[in-house]
Amino acid sequence: MEIKPLRYFLAIADTLSFTRASEQLYVAQPALSMAMKKLERELDVTLFHRRDRKISLTDEGKVLYEYARKLIQQADQTQSAMEELSGLKSGEVRVGIPSMLGSYYFPPILMAFRHRYPNLTLQVIEGGTWKLQQMLESGEIDLSVIVAEKPNDSLETHGLLKEQMLVTINQDHPFVALRSIEPELFFQEELVMFKEGFFHRRVIDRLAQQQGVKPNIGFETNLIPLIKSIVQQGFGITTLLGMVIEENDGLVTRPFSDEVWLDINIAWRKDGYLSKANRTFLAFLIEETERNKPST
């Protein structure tokens, strides 16, 4: 069995669309269709239900999906190992970074890495912590920054930093007069929140559950400048990491009465192969975060 048809199959299964898979793979749609028909004949099974121009995996397709994903992951790892043994002078780092951290903490580190290792390519994937962890576990990315609540047993992690979630308000808000904010008061306000799946939102949803309340979310967006603008204009309050707040934002922050701290980690698969490029990035990242930690 060839690897290429399995890559095609996974792309179609992930997108549930021959058209979107064709665009993603840069392969003509008729070629994809022919490859899938050939794969079905080779395996003597039907992999997709095709109804009203919509497709879904058959039971046989679902079984193949799990095996194909593991096979592709092993093939990619084997390729990386062989390239290193042949003395390859280049490499690619695939790292997932949540948007808040990617916008405000990691840019200097990423630029410094590229400066030191100009022959290595950095592919940075932005997304919610939960989505990035799933991509890491499935082998779509090699490293990911995660906010560790309950680390998955399949992952190795290294702590990078601790950051506090701060209630963020405009300068005219009554909370300015308080030194800290009780969760009960916070949830009486209209909130501006990240969408579900992002650590910012998961922390607040968990806090609301502990309080036995449903958050009054007036705005949902993952665009940090928009969140800041909405809060500045008094249309809601939010929570942000301290690193996100800049002097000219016109915003005020207060801790929760029971402070909320996040453990931010870099993670990789325990049973996965880390290429030399990824190991180099991992060591560099740990070195930089240790160097940048405030002295006690």
C-alpha atoms as a PDB file:
ATOM      1  CA  MET A   1       0.000   0.000   0.000  1.00  0.00           C
ATOM      2  CA  GLU A   2       1.357   3.405  -0.994  1.00  0.00           C
ATOM      3  CA  ILE A   3       1.555   6.341   1.428  1.00  0.00           C
ATOM      4  CA  LYS A   4       0.308   9.074  -0.930  1.00  0.00           C
ATOM      5  CA  PRO A   5      -3.289   7.722  -1.291  1.00  0.00           C
ATOM      6  CA  LEU A   6      -3.493   7.501   2.498  1.00  0.00           C
ATOM      7  CA  ARG A   7      -2.519  11.191   2.757  1.00  0.00           C
ATOM      8  CA  TYR A   8      -5.265  11.979   0.246  1.00  0.00           C
ATOM      9  CA  PHE A   9      -7.729   9.863   2.203  1.00  0.00           C
ATOM     10  CA  LEU A  10      -6.932  11.648   5.497  1.00  0.00           C
ATOM     11  CA  ALA A  11      -7.341  15.084   3.914  1.00  0.00           C
ATOM     12  CA  ILE A  12     -10.742  14.130   2.479  1.00  0.00           C
ATOM     13  CA  ALA A  13     -11.821  12.540   5.770  1.00  0.00           C
ATOM     14  CA  ASP A  14     -10.762  15.622   7.770  1.00  0.00           C
ATOM     15  CA  THR A  15     -12.528  18.103   5.486  1.00  0.00           C
ATOM     16  CA  LEU A  16     -15.402  15.824   4.388  1.00  0.00           C
ATOM     17  CA  SER A  17     -15.028  17.465   1.005  1.00  0.00           C
ATOM     18  CA  PHE A  18     -13.153  16.452  -2.144  1.00  0.00           C
ATOM     19  CA  THR A  19     -13.088  20.133  -3.154  1.00  0.00           C
ATOM     20  CA  ARG A  20     -11.520  21.411   0.079  1.00  0.00           C
ATOM     21  CA  ALA A  21      -9.086  18.487   0.197  1.00  0.00           C
ATOM     22  CA  SER A  22      -8.090  19.256  -3.399  1.00  0.00           C
ATOM     23  CA  GLU A  23      -7.352  22.878  -2.464  1.00  0.00           C
ATOM     24  CA  GLN A  24      -5.451  21.838   0.666  1.00  0.00           C
ATOM     25  CA  LEU A  25      -3.311  19.271  -1.158  1.00  0.00           C
ATOM     26  CA  TYR A  26      -2.871  21.253  -4.400  1.00  0.00           C
ATOM     27  CA  VAL A  27      -4.085  18.170  -6.273  1.00  0.00           C
ATOM     28  CA  ALA A  28      -6.741  18.219  -8.998  1.00  0.00           C
ATOM     29  CA  GLN A  29     -10.117  16.950  -7.776  1.00  0.00           C
ATOM     30  CA  PRO A  30     -10.456  14.274 -10.511  1.00  0.00           C
ATOM     31  CA  ALA A  31      -7.074  12.883  -9.455  1.00  0.00           C
ATOM     32  CA  LEU A  32      -8.283  12.633  -5.853  1.00  0.00           C
ATOM     33  CA  SER A  33     -11.462  10.854  -6.910  1.00  0.00           C
ATOM     34  CA  MET A  34      -9.503   8.373  -9.009  1.00  0.00           C
ATOM     35  CA  ALA A  35      -7.044   7.742  -6.160  1.00  0.00           C
ATOM     36  CA  MET A  36      -9.894   7.005  -3.735  1.00  0.00           C
ATOM     37  CA  LYS A  37     -11.631   4.644  -6.165  1.00  0.00           C
ATOM     38  CA  LYS A  38      -8.338   2.810  -6.668  1.00  0.00           C
ATOM     39  CA  LEU A  39      -7.778   2.615  -2.887  1.00  0.00           C
ATOM     40  CA  GLU A  40     -11.299   1.246  -2.371  1.00  0.00           C
ATOM     41  CA  ARG A  41     -10.712  -1.408  -5.051  1.00  0.00           C
ATOM     42  CA  GLU A  42      -7.359  -2.320  -3.520  1.00  0.00           C
ATOM     43  CA  LEU A  43      -8.871  -2.729  -0.048  1.00  0.00           C
ATOM     44  CA  ASP A  44     -12.173  -4.149  -1.372  1.00  0.00           C
ATOM     45  CA  VAL A  45     -14.210  -1.797   0.851  1.00  0.00           C
ATOM     46  CA  THR A  46     -16.254   1.381   0.502  1.00  0.00           C
ATOM     47  CA  LEU A  47     -14.618   4.220   2.412  1.00  0.00           C
ATOM     48  CA  PHE A  48     -17.133   7.041   1.922  1.00  0.00           C
ATOM     49  CA  HIS A  49     -20.889   7.414   1.872  1.00  0.00           C
ATOM     50  CA  ARG A  50     -21.738   9.702  -1.051  1.00  0.00           C
ATOM     51  CA  ARG A  51     -25.194  11.275  -0.775  1.00  0.00           C
ATOM     52  CA  ASP A  52     -26.520  14.502  -2.312  1.00  0.00           C
ATOM     53  CA  ARG A  53     -22.994  15.809  -2.951  1.00  0.00           C
ATOM     54  CA  LYS A  54     -22.157  15.254   0.727  1.00  0.00           C
ATOM     55  CA  ILE A  55     -19.749  12.627   1.991  1.00  0.00           C
ATOM     56  CA  SER A  56     -19.142  10.861   5.284  1.00  0.00           C
ATOM     57  CA  LEU A  57     -16.960   7.990   6.410  1.00  0.00           C
ATOM     58  CA  THR A  58     -18.302   4.464   6.347  1.00  0.00           C
ATOM     59  CA  ASP A  59     -17.535   2.150   9.266  1.00  0.00           C
ATOM     60  CA  GLU A  60     -14.636   0.759   7.209  1.00  0.00           C
ATOM     61  CA  GLY A  61     -13.472   4.305   6.491  1.00  0.00           C
ATOM     62  CA  LYS A  62     -13.439   5.115  10.212  1.00  0.00           C
ATOM     63  CA  VAL A  63     -11.237   2.091  10.910  1.00  0.00           C
ATOM     64  CA  LEU A  64      -8.842   2.992   8.094  1.00  0.00           C
ATOM     65  CA  TYR A  65      -8.680   6.593   9.355  1.00  0.00           C
ATOM     66  CA  GLU A  66      -7.142   5.541  12.680  1.00  0.00           C
ATOM     67  CA  TYR A  67      -4.587   3.243  11.074  1.00  0.00           C
ATOM     68  CA  ALA A  68      -3.750   5.691   8.270  1.00  0.00           C
ATOM     69  CA  ARG A  69      -3.145   8.531  10.728  1.00  0.00           C
ATOM     70  CA  LYS A  70      -0.637   6.395  12.655  1.00  0.00           C
ATOM     71  CA  LEU A  71       1.043   5.166   9.475  1.00  0.00           C
ATOM     72  CA  ILE A  72       1.496   8.711   8.123  1.00  0.00           C
ATOM     73  CA  GLN A  73       2.855   9.870  11.467  1.00  0.00           C
ATOM     74  CA  GLN A  74       5.386   7.023  11.488  1.00  0.00           C
ATOM     75  CA  ALA A  75       6.337   7.689   7.863  1.00  0.00           C
ATOM     76  CA  ASP A  76       6.978  11.371   8.570  1.00  0.00           C
ATOM     77  CA  GLN A  77       9.065  10.552  11.625  1.00  0.00           C
ATOM     78  CA  THR A  78      11.088   8.004   9.651  1.00  0.00           C
ATOM     79  CA  GLN A  79      11.702  10.562   6.913  1.00  0.00           C
ATOM     80  CA  SER A  80      12.902  13.126   9.466  1.00  0.00           C
ATOM     81  CA  ALA A  81      15.269  10.623  11.070  1.00  0.00           C
ATOM     82  CA  MET A  82      16.750   9.593   7.717  1.00  0.00           C
ATOM     83  CA  GLU A  83      17.227  13.207   6.633  1.00  0.00           C
ATOM     84  CA  GLU A  84      19.191  13.909   9.802  1.00  0.00           C
ATOM     85  CA  LEU A  85      21.395  10.860   9.278  1.00  0.00           C
ATOM     86  CA  SER A  86      22.133  12.041   5.746  1.00  0.00           C
ATOM     87  CA  GLY A  87      23.454  15.321   7.130  1.00  0.00           C
ATOM     88  CA  LEU A  88      20.548  17.583   6.134  1.00  0.00           C
ATOM     89  CA  LYS A  89      21.432  21.229   6.807  1.00  0.00           C
ATOM     90  CA  SER A  90      17.843  22.437   7.030  1.00  0.00           C
ATOM     91  CA  GLY A  91      14.694  21.457   8.896  1.00  0.00           C
ATOM     92  CA  GLU A  92      11.211  22.541   9.908  1.00  0.00           C
ATOM     93  CA  VAL A  93       9.742  23.277  13.319  1.00  0.00           C
ATOM     94  CA  ARG A  94       5.967  22.857  13.622  1.00  0.00           C
ATOM     95  CA  VAL A  95       4.774  24.477  16.835  1.00  0.00           C
ATOM     96  CA  GLY A  96       1.300  25.402  18.045  1.00  0.00           C
ATOM     97  CA  ILE A  97       0.872  28.602  20.054  1.00  0.00           C
ATOM     98  CA  PRO A  98      -2.376  30.038  21.494  1.00  0.00           C
ATOM     99  CA  SER A  99      -3.157  33.436  19.977  1.00  0.00           C
ATOM    100  CA  MET A 100      -2.785  35.530  23.149  1.00  0.00           C
ATOM    101  CA  LEU A 101       0.690  34.142  23.800  1.00  0.00           C
ATOM    102  CA  GLY A 102       1.592  34.183  20.125  1.00  0.00           C
ATOM    103  CA  SER A 103       0.803  37.867  19.839  1.00  0.00           C
ATOM    104  CA  TYR A 104       2.384  39.178  23.033  1.00  0.00           C
ATOM    105  CA  TYR A 105       5.022  36.813  24.403  1.00  0.00           C
ATOM    106  CA  PHE A 106       6.532  34.688  21.662  1.00  0.00           C
ATOM    107  CA  PRO A 107       7.368  37.098  18.792  1.00  0.00           C
ATOM    108  CA  PRO A 108      10.777  38.137  20.222  1.00  0.00           C
ATOM    109  CA  ILE A 109      11.654  34.510  20.961  1.00  0.00           C
ATOM    110  CA  LEU A 110      10.632  33.342  17.485  1.00  0.00           C
ATOM    111  CA  MET A 111      12.602  36.138  15.825  1.00  0.00           C
ATOM    112  CA  ALA A 112      15.660  35.398  17.970  1.00  0.00           C
ATOM    113  CA  PHE A 113      15.471  31.727  17.001  1.00  0.00           C
ATOM    114  CA  ARG A 114      15.295  32.546  13.296  1.00  0.00           C
ATOM    115  CA  HIS A 115      18.251  34.904  13.705  1.00  0.00           C
ATOM    116  CA  ARG A 116      20.358  32.195  15.338  1.00  0.00           C
ATOM    117  CA  TYR A 117      19.203  29.382  13.019  1.00  0.00           C
ATOM    118  CA  PRO A 118      18.423  31.001   9.641  1.00  0.00           C
ATOM    119  CA  ASN A 119      18.392  27.646   7.823  1.00  0.00           C
ATOM    120  CA  LEU A 120      15.501  26.298   9.891  1.00  0.00           C
ATOM    121  CA  THR A 121      11.891  26.965   8.934  1.00  0.00           C
ATOM    122  CA  LEU A 122       9.319  27.881  11.575  1.00  0.00           C
ATOM    123  CA  GLN A 123       5.713  26.902  11.003  1.00  0.00           C
ATOM    124  CA  VAL A 124       3.575  28.459  13.754  1.00  0.00           C
ATOM    125  CA  ILE A 125       0.001  27.208  14.064  1.00  0.00           C
ATOM    126  CA  GLU A 126      -2.398  29.404  16.031  1.00  0.00           C
ATOM    127  CA  GLY A 127      -5.457  28.008  17.775  1.00  0.00           C
ATOM    128  CA  GLY A 128      -7.208  27.223  20.998  1.00  0.00           C
ATOM    129  CA  THR A 129      -5.307  25.199  23.593  1.00  0.00           C
ATOM    130  CA  TRP A 130      -7.620  22.193  23.274  1.00  0.00           C
ATOM    131  CA  LYS A 131      -7.422  22.132  19.469  1.00  0.00           C
ATOM    132  CA  LEU A 132      -3.631  22.465  19.550  1.00  0.00           C
ATOM    133  CA  GLN A 133      -3.347  19.610  22.037  1.00  0.00           C
ATOM    134  CA  GLN A 134      -5.444  17.408  19.742  1.00  0.00           C
ATOM    135  CA  MET A 135      -3.207  18.337  16.785  1.00  0.00           C
ATOM    136  CA  LEU A 136      -0.140  17.500  18.877  1.00  0.00           C
ATOM    137  CA  GLU A 137      -1.518  14.107  19.892  1.00  0.00           C
ATOM    138  CA  SER A 138      -2.428  13.264  16.280  1.00  0.00           C
ATOM    139  CA  GLY A 139       1.030  14.240  14.986  1.00  0.00           C
ATOM    140  CA  GLU A 140      -0.128  17.251  12.934  1.00  0.00           C
ATOM    141  CA  ILE A 141       2.338  19.390  14.904  1.00  0.00           C
ATOM    142  CA  ASP A 142       5.473  18.410  16.816  1.00  0.00           C
ATOM    143  CA  LEU A 143       5.442  20.877  19.718  1.00  0.00           C
ATOM    144  CA  SER A 144       2.725  22.967  21.316  1.00  0.00           C
ATOM    145  CA  VAL A 145       2.401  25.586  24.004  1.00  0.00           C
ATOM    146  CA  ILE A 146      -0.405  24.479  26.308  1.00  0.00           C
ATOM    147  CA  VAL A 147      -1.979  25.701  29.507  1.00  0.00           C
ATOM    148  CA  ALA A 148      -1.665  22.614  31.656  1.00  0.00           C
ATOM    149  CA  GLU A 149      -4.682  21.878  33.803  1.00  0.00           C
ATOM    150  CA  LYS A 150      -4.477  18.077  33.725  1.00  0.00           C
ATOM    151  CA  PRO A 151      -1.513  17.099  31.520  1.00  0.00           C
ATOM    152  CA  ASN A 152      -2.296  14.210  29.183  1.00  0.00           C
ATOM    153  CA  ASP A 153      -0.391  11.011  29.982  1.00  0.00           C
ATOM    154  CA  SER A 154       0.705  10.765  26.344  1.00  0.00           C
ATOM    155  CA  LEU A 155       2.560  14.088  26.533  1.00  0.00           C
ATOM    156  CA  GLU A 156       5.855  15.264  27.959  1.00  0.00           C
ATOM    157  CA  THR A 157       5.773  18.832  29.261  1.00  0.00           C
ATOM    158  CA  HIS A 158       8.223  21.444  30.471  1.00  0.00           C
ATOM    159  CA  GLY A 159       7.055  24.477  32.438  1.00  0.00           C
ATOM    160  CA  LEU A 160       7.801  27.814  30.783  1.00  0.00           C
ATOM    161  CA  LEU A 161       6.109  30.469  32.902  1.00  0.00           C
ATOM    162  CA  LYS A 162       3.235  31.272  35.233  1.00  0.00           C
ATOM    163  CA  GLU A 163       0.842  34.066  34.275  1.00  0.00           C
ATOM    164  CA  GLN A 164      -2.029  35.607  36.175  1.00  0.00           C
ATOM    165  CA  MET A 165      -5.500  36.060  34.687  1.00  0.00           C
ATOM    166  CA  LEU A 166      -6.567  39.630  35.483  1.00  0.00           C
ATOM    167  CA  VAL A 167      -9.995  41.222  35.388  1.00  0.00           C
ATOM    168  CA  THR A 168      -9.693  43.947  32.754  1.00  0.00           C
ATOM    169  CA  ILE A 169     -11.897  47.060  32.813  1.00  0.00           C
ATOM    170  CA  ASN A 170     -11.910  50.631  31.509  1.00  0.00           C
ATOM    171  CA  GLN A 171     -10.827  53.570  33.647  1.00  0.00           C
ATOM    172  CA  ASP A 172     -14.392  54.604  34.519  1.00  0.00           C
ATOM    173  CA  HIS A 173     -15.593  51.233  35.774  1.00  0.00           C
ATOM    174  CA  PRO A 174     -16.613  50.958  39.467  1.00  0.00           C
ATOM    175  CA  PHE A 175     -14.215  48.010  39.875  1.00  0.00           C
ATOM    176  CA  VAL A 176     -11.327  50.513  39.683  1.00  0.00           C
ATOM    177  CA  ALA A 177     -12.013  51.360  43.339  1.00  0.00           C
ATOM    178  CA  LEU A 178     -11.518  47.722  44.398  1.00  0.00           C
ATOM    179  CA  ARG A 179      -8.199  46.013  45.105  1.00  0.00           C
ATOM    180  CA  SER A 180      -9.459  42.627  43.924  1.00  0.00           C
ATOM    181  CA  ILE A 181     -12.632  41.295  42.334  1.00  0.00           C
ATOM    182  CA  GLU A 182     -14.910  38.648  43.806  1.00  0.00           C
ATOM    183  CA  PRO A 183     -16.070  36.128  41.160  1.00  0.00           C
ATOM    184  CA  GLU A 184     -19.669  36.811  42.204  1.00  0.00           C
ATOM    185  CA  LEU A 185     -19.248  40.489  41.214  1.00  0.00           C
ATOM    186  CA  PHE A 186     -17.400  39.619  38.019  1.00  0.00           C
ATOM    187  CA  PHE A 187     -20.211  37.412  36.740  1.00  0.00           C
ATOM    188  CA  GLN A 188     -22.795  40.145  37.299  1.00  0.00           C
ATOM    189  CA  GLU A 189     -21.142  42.092  34.463  1.00  0.00           C
ATOM    190  CA  GLU A 190     -21.530  41.722  30.699  1.00  0.00           C
ATOM    191  CA  LEU A 191     -18.426  39.915  29.477  1.00  0.00           C
ATOM    192  CA  VAL A 192     -16.218  40.003  26.391  1.00  0.00           C
ATOM    193  CA  MET A 193     -14.780  36.524  25.936  1.00  0.00           C
ATOM    194  CA  PHE A 194     -12.684  34.398  23.637  1.00  0.00           C
ATOM    195  CA  LYS A 195     -14.572  31.617  21.872  1.00  0.00           C
ATOM    196  CA  GLU A 196     -14.858  28.140  23.354  1.00  0.00           C
ATOM    197  CA  GLY A 197     -11.721  26.005  23.182  1.00  0.00           C
ATOM    198  CA  PHE A 198      -9.314  28.822  24.064  1.00  0.00           C
ATOM    199  CA  PHE A 199      -7.680  28.705  27.497  1.00  0.00           C
ATOM    200  CA  HIS A 200      -8.923  32.229  28.296  1.00  0.00           C
ATOM    201  CA  ARG A 201     -12.505  30.975  27.892  1.00  0.00           C
ATOM    202  CA  ARG A 202     -11.976  27.595  29.529  1.00  0.00           C
ATOM    203  CA  VAL A 203     -10.694  29.217  32.734  1.00  0.00           C
ATOM    204  CA  ILE A 204     -13.703  31.541  32.941  1.00  0.00           C
ATOM    205  CA  ASP A 205     -16.182  28.754  32.145  1.00  0.00           C
ATOM    206  CA  ARG A 206     -14.680  26.651  34.919  1.00  0.00           C
ATOM    207  CA  LEU A 207     -14.846  29.567  37.352  1.00  0.00           C
ATOM    208  CA  ALA A 208     -18.503  30.163  36.435  1.00  0.00           C
ATOM    209  CA  GLN A 209     -19.276  26.495  37.011  1.00  0.00           C
ATOM    210  CA  GLN A 210     -17.706  26.698  40.458  1.00  0.00           C
ATOM    211  CA  GLN A 211     -19.927  29.704  41.193  1.00  0.00           C
ATOM    212  CA  GLY A 212     -23.014  27.960  39.826  1.00  0.00           C
ATOM    213  CA  VAL A 213     -23.748  30.768  37.363  1.00  0.00           C
ATOM    214  CA  LYS A 214     -24.037  31.184  33.605  1.00  0.00           C
ATOM    215  CA  PRO A 215     -21.697  33.899  32.235  1.00  0.00           C
ATOM    216  CA  ASN A 216     -23.418  36.874  30.610  1.00  0.00           C
ATOM    217  CA  ILE A 217     -21.327  36.950  27.431  1.00  0.00           C
ATOM    218  CA  GLY A 218     -22.153  39.937  25.239  1.00  0.00           C
ATOM    219  CA  PHE A 219     -19.288  39.543  22.762  1.00  0.00           C
ATOM    220  CA  GLU A 220     -17.283  36.531  21.574  1.00  0.00           C
ATOM    221  CA  THR A 221     -14.107  37.153  19.590  1.00  0.00           C
ATOM    222  CA  ASN A 222     -10.540  35.898  19.415  1.00  0.00           C
ATOM    223  CA  LEU A 223      -9.255  39.276  18.209  1.00  0.00           C
ATOM    224  CA  ILE A 224      -7.411  40.825  21.144  1.00  0.00           C
ATOM    225  CA  PRO A 225      -7.426  44.415  19.755  1.00  0.00           C
ATOM    226  CA  LEU A 226     -11.208  44.148  19.357  1.00  0.00           C
ATOM    227  CA  ILE A 227     -11.600  42.828  22.920  1.00  0.00           C
ATOM    228  CA  LYS A 228      -9.577  45.773  24.199  1.00  0.00           C
ATOM    229  CA  SER A 229     -11.607  48.253  22.141  1.00  0.00           C
ATOM    230  CA  ILE A 230     -14.937  46.917  23.412  1.00  0.00           C
ATOM    231  CA  VAL A 231     -13.744  47.140  27.024  1.00  0.00           C
ATOM    232  CA  GLN A 232     -12.288  50.631  26.484  1.00  0.00           C
ATOM    233  CA  GLN A 233     -15.676  51.846  25.267  1.00  0.00           C
ATOM    234  CA  GLY A 234     -17.478  50.400  28.271  1.00  0.00           C
ATOM    235  CA  PHE A 235     -19.466  47.699  26.495  1.00  0.00           C
ATOM    236  CA  GLY A 236     -18.195  44.919  28.734  1.00  0.00           C
ATOM    237  CA  ILE A 237     -15.317  43.666  30.849  1.00  0.00           C
ATOM    238  CA  THR A 238     -12.951  40.753  30.297  1.00  0.00           C
ATOM    239  CA  THR A 239      -9.962  38.878  31.661  1.00  0.00           C
ATOM    240  CA  LEU A 240      -6.532  39.008  30.051  1.00  0.00           C
ATOM    241  CA  LEU A 241      -3.001  38.019  30.912  1.00  0.00           C
ATOM    242  CA  GLY A 242      -0.899  40.822  32.329  1.00  0.00           C
ATOM    243  CA  MET A 243       1.504  40.607  29.355  1.00  0.00           C
ATOM    244  CA  VAL A 244      -1.292  41.741  27.005  1.00  0.00           C
ATOM    245  CA  ILE A 245      -1.940  45.084  28.713  1.00  0.00           C
ATOM    246  CA  GLU A 246       0.102  48.008  27.381  1.00  0.00           C
ATOM    247  CA  GLU A 247       0.507  51.474  28.904  1.00  0.00           C
ATOM    248  CA  ASN A 248      -1.451  53.288  26.191  1.00  0.00           C
ATOM    249  CA  ASP A 249      -4.418  50.884  26.267  1.00  0.00           C
ATOM    250  CA  GLY A 250      -6.396  52.986  28.744  1.00  0.00           C
ATOM    251  CA  LEU A 251      -7.311  49.820  30.647  1.00  0.00           C
ATOM    252  CA  VAL A 252      -7.130  48.894  34.326  1.00  0.00           C
ATOM    253  CA  THR A 253      -6.538  45.393  35.705  1.00  0.00           C
ATOM    254  CA  ARG A 254      -7.427  43.824  39.021  1.00  0.00           C
ATOM    255  CA  PRO A 255      -6.740  40.282  40.276  1.00  0.00           C
ATOM    256  CA  PHE A 256      -9.535  37.984  41.329  1.00  0.00           C
ATOM    257  CA  SER A 257      -9.977  37.771  45.098  1.00  0.00           C
ATOM    258  CA  ASP A 258      -8.790  34.169  44.840  1.00  0.00           C
ATOM    259  CA  GLU A 259      -5.963  34.711  42.366  1.00  0.00           C
ATOM    260  CA  VAL A 260      -6.029  32.709  39.133  1.00  0.00           C
ATOM    261  CA  TRP A 261      -2.595  31.656  37.892  1.00  0.00           C
ATOM    262  CA  LEU A 262      -1.939  29.635  34.742  1.00  0.00           C
ATOM    263  CA  ASP A 263       0.916  27.178  34.221  1.00  0.00           C
ATOM    264  CA  ILE A 264       2.107  27.613  30.635  1.00  0.00           C
ATOM    265  CA  ASN A 265       4.054  24.641  29.266  1.00  0.00           C
ATOM    266  CA  ILE A 266       5.705  23.451  26.091  1.00  0.00           C
ATOM    267  CA  ALA A 267       4.568  19.909  25.252  1.00  0.00           C
ATOM    268  CA  TRP A 268       5.497  17.095  22.883  1.00  0.00           C
ATOM    269  CA  ARG A 269       4.455  13.461  22.422  1.00  0.00           C
ATOM    270  CA  LYS A 270       6.146  10.910  24.666  1.00  0.00           C
ATOM    271  CA  ASP A 271       6.247   8.283  21.915  1.00  0.00           C
ATOM    272  CA  GLY A 272       6.871  10.741  19.102  1.00  0.00           C
ATOM    273  CA  TYR A 273      10.109  11.406  17.271  1.00  0.00           C
ATOM    274  CA  LEU A 274      11.432  14.944  17.662  1.00  0.00           C
ATOM    275  CA  SER A 275      13.636  15.956  14.760  1.00  0.00           C
ATOM    276  CA  LYS A 276      16.901  17.759  15.357  1.00  0.00           C
ATOM    277  CA  ALA A 277      15.213  21.022  14.304  1.00  0.00           C
ATOM    278  CA  ASN A 278      12.469  20.549  16.889  1.00  0.00           C
ATOM    279  CA  ARG A 279      14.914  19.536  19.604  1.00  0.00           C
ATOM    280  CA  THR A 280      16.957  22.640  18.827  1.00  0.00           C
ATOM    281  CA  PHE A 281      13.874  24.852  19.080  1.00  0.00           C
ATOM    282  CA  LEU A 282      12.804  23.181  22.341  1.00  0.00           C
ATOM    283  CA  ALA A 283      16.213  23.757  23.930  1.00  0.00           C
ATOM    284  CA  PHE A 284      16.288  27.355  22.675  1.00  0.00           C
ATOM    285  CA  LEU A 285      12.793  28.085  24.014  1.00  0.00           C
ATOM    286  CA  ILE A 286      13.605  26.690  27.456  1.00  0.00           C
ATOM    287  CA  GLU A 287      16.873  28.644  27.518  1.00  0.00           C
ATOM    288  CA  GLU A 288      15.136  31.914  26.586  1.00  0.00           C
ATOM    289  CA  THR A 289      12.265  31.582  29.057  1.00  0.00           C
ATOM    290  CA  GLU A 290      14.670  30.764  31.878  1.00  0.00           C
ATOM    291  CA  ARG A 291      16.808  33.747  30.954  1.00  0.00           C
ATOM    292  CA  ASN A 292      13.799  36.088  30.835  1.00  0.00           C
ATOM    293  CA  LYS A 293      12.288  35.032  34.148  1.00  0.00           C
ATOM    294  CA  PRO A 294      12.416  37.843  36.726  1.00  0.00           C
ATOM    295  CA  SER A 295      15.020  37.331  39.408  1.00  0.00           C
ATOM    296  CA  THR A 296      13.672  36.669  42.901  1.00  0.00           C
END
